[in-house]
């Protein structure tokens, strides 16, 4: 598993940067980094950020 930040705000920044620069969507990012999409979305929902497919980022 790829090491990702544990702090939710750092995680948000990290994931949005990866989505912007390297991945076409959240499914591809999770697959390539071996992340559990549901757990990732739940963690970011905890700080009221949700994935927007059109923008390809958490907003």
C-alpha atoms as a PDB file:
ATOM      1  CA  UNK A   1       0.000   0.000   0.000  1.00  0.00           C
ATOM      2  CA  UNK A   2       1.174   3.507  -0.857  1.00  0.00           C
ATOM      3  CA  UNK A   3       1.897   5.723   2.151  1.00  0.00           C
ATOM      4  CA  UNK A   4      -0.570   8.592   2.317  1.00  0.00           C
ATOM      5  CA  UNK A   5      -0.922  11.403   4.855  1.00  0.00           C
ATOM      6  CA  UNK A   6      -2.982  10.527   7.917  1.00  0.00           C
ATOM      7  CA  UNK A   7      -4.043  14.098   8.698  1.00  0.00           C
ATOM      8  CA  UNK A   8      -7.324  14.730   6.806  1.00  0.00           C
ATOM      9  CA  UNK A   9      -6.325  18.184   5.517  1.00  0.00           C
ATOM     10  CA  UNK A  10      -2.940  16.963   4.312  1.00  0.00           C
ATOM     11  CA  UNK A  11      -4.691  13.955   2.772  1.00  0.00           C
ATOM     12  CA  UNK A  12      -7.098  16.259   0.936  1.00  0.00           C
ATOM     13  CA  UNK A  13      -4.245  18.269  -0.528  1.00  0.00           C
ATOM     14  CA  UNK A  14      -2.289  15.151  -1.474  1.00  0.00           C
ATOM     15  CA  UNK A  15      -5.230  13.398  -3.149  1.00  0.00           C
ATOM     16  CA  UNK A  16      -6.368  16.470  -5.091  1.00  0.00           C
ATOM     17  CA  UNK A  17      -2.809  17.046  -6.331  1.00  0.00           C
ATOM     18  CA  UNK A  18      -2.548  13.432  -7.479  1.00  0.00           C
ATOM     19  CA  UNK A  19      -5.946  13.631  -9.198  1.00  0.00           C
ATOM     20  CA  UNK A  20      -5.016  16.882 -10.920  1.00  0.00           C
ATOM     21  CA  UNK A  21      -1.566  15.803 -12.075  1.00  0.00           C
ATOM     22  CA  UNK A  22      -1.650  12.039 -12.600  1.00  0.00           C
ATOM     23  CA  UNK A  23      -5.060  10.340 -12.629  1.00  0.00           C
ATOM     24  CA  UNK A  24      -8.151  10.634 -14.797  1.00  0.00           C
ATOM     25  CA  UNK A  25     -10.488   9.755 -11.928  1.00  0.00           C
ATOM     26  CA  UNK A  26     -10.723   8.529  -8.348  1.00  0.00           C
ATOM     27  CA  UNK A  27     -11.084   4.873  -9.360  1.00  0.00           C
ATOM     28  CA  UNK A  28      -7.790   4.958 -11.258  1.00  0.00           C
ATOM     29  CA  UNK A  29      -6.014   6.692  -8.361  1.00  0.00           C
ATOM     30  CA  UNK A  30      -7.292   4.161  -5.834  1.00  0.00           C
ATOM     31  CA  UNK A  31      -6.382   1.258  -8.072  1.00  0.00           C
ATOM     32  CA  UNK A  32      -2.861   2.477  -8.782  1.00  0.00           C
ATOM     33  CA  UNK A  33      -2.126   3.466  -5.177  1.00  0.00           C
ATOM     34  CA  UNK A  34      -3.914   0.404  -3.742  1.00  0.00           C
ATOM     35  CA  UNK A  35      -6.270   2.528  -1.656  1.00  0.00           C
ATOM     36  CA  UNK A  36      -9.738   1.600  -0.451  1.00  0.00           C
ATOM     37  CA  UNK A  37     -12.016   4.142  -2.134  1.00  0.00           C
ATOM     38  CA  UNK A  38     -14.768   3.841   0.456  1.00  0.00           C
ATOM     39  CA  UNK A  39     -12.376   4.451   3.357  1.00  0.00           C
ATOM     40  CA  UNK A  40     -10.789   7.395   1.555  1.00  0.00           C
ATOM     41  CA  UNK A  41     -14.149   8.990   0.801  1.00  0.00           C
ATOM     42  CA  UNK A  42     -15.328   8.438   4.383  1.00  0.00           C
ATOM     43  CA  UNK A  43     -12.195  10.059   5.809  1.00  0.00           C
ATOM     44  CA  UNK A  44     -12.576  13.126   3.601  1.00  0.00           C
ATOM     45  CA  UNK A  45     -16.332  13.285   4.231  1.00  0.00           C
ATOM     46  CA  UNK A  46     -15.368  13.673   7.884  1.00  0.00           C
ATOM     47  CA  UNK A  47     -14.040  17.133   7.002  1.00  0.00           C
ATOM     48  CA  UNK A  48     -16.961  17.744   4.627  1.00  0.00           C
ATOM     49  CA  UNK A  49     -15.172  17.161   1.327  1.00  0.00           C
ATOM     50  CA  UNK A  50     -16.766  14.969  -1.322  1.00  0.00           C
ATOM     51  CA  UNK A  51     -15.533  13.714  -4.676  1.00  0.00           C
ATOM     52  CA  UNK A  52     -16.844  15.634  -7.679  1.00  0.00           C
ATOM     53  CA  UNK A  53     -16.466  13.502 -10.794  1.00  0.00           C
ATOM     54  CA  UNK A  54     -16.793  16.449 -13.189  1.00  0.00           C
ATOM     55  CA  UNK A  55     -14.051  18.431 -11.453  1.00  0.00           C
ATOM     56  CA  UNK A  56     -12.055  15.274 -10.650  1.00  0.00           C
ATOM     57  CA  UNK A  57     -11.307  16.542  -7.167  1.00  0.00           C
ATOM     58  CA  UNK A  58     -12.661  16.653  -3.655  1.00  0.00           C
ATOM     59  CA  UNK A  59     -14.612  19.845  -3.045  1.00  0.00           C
END
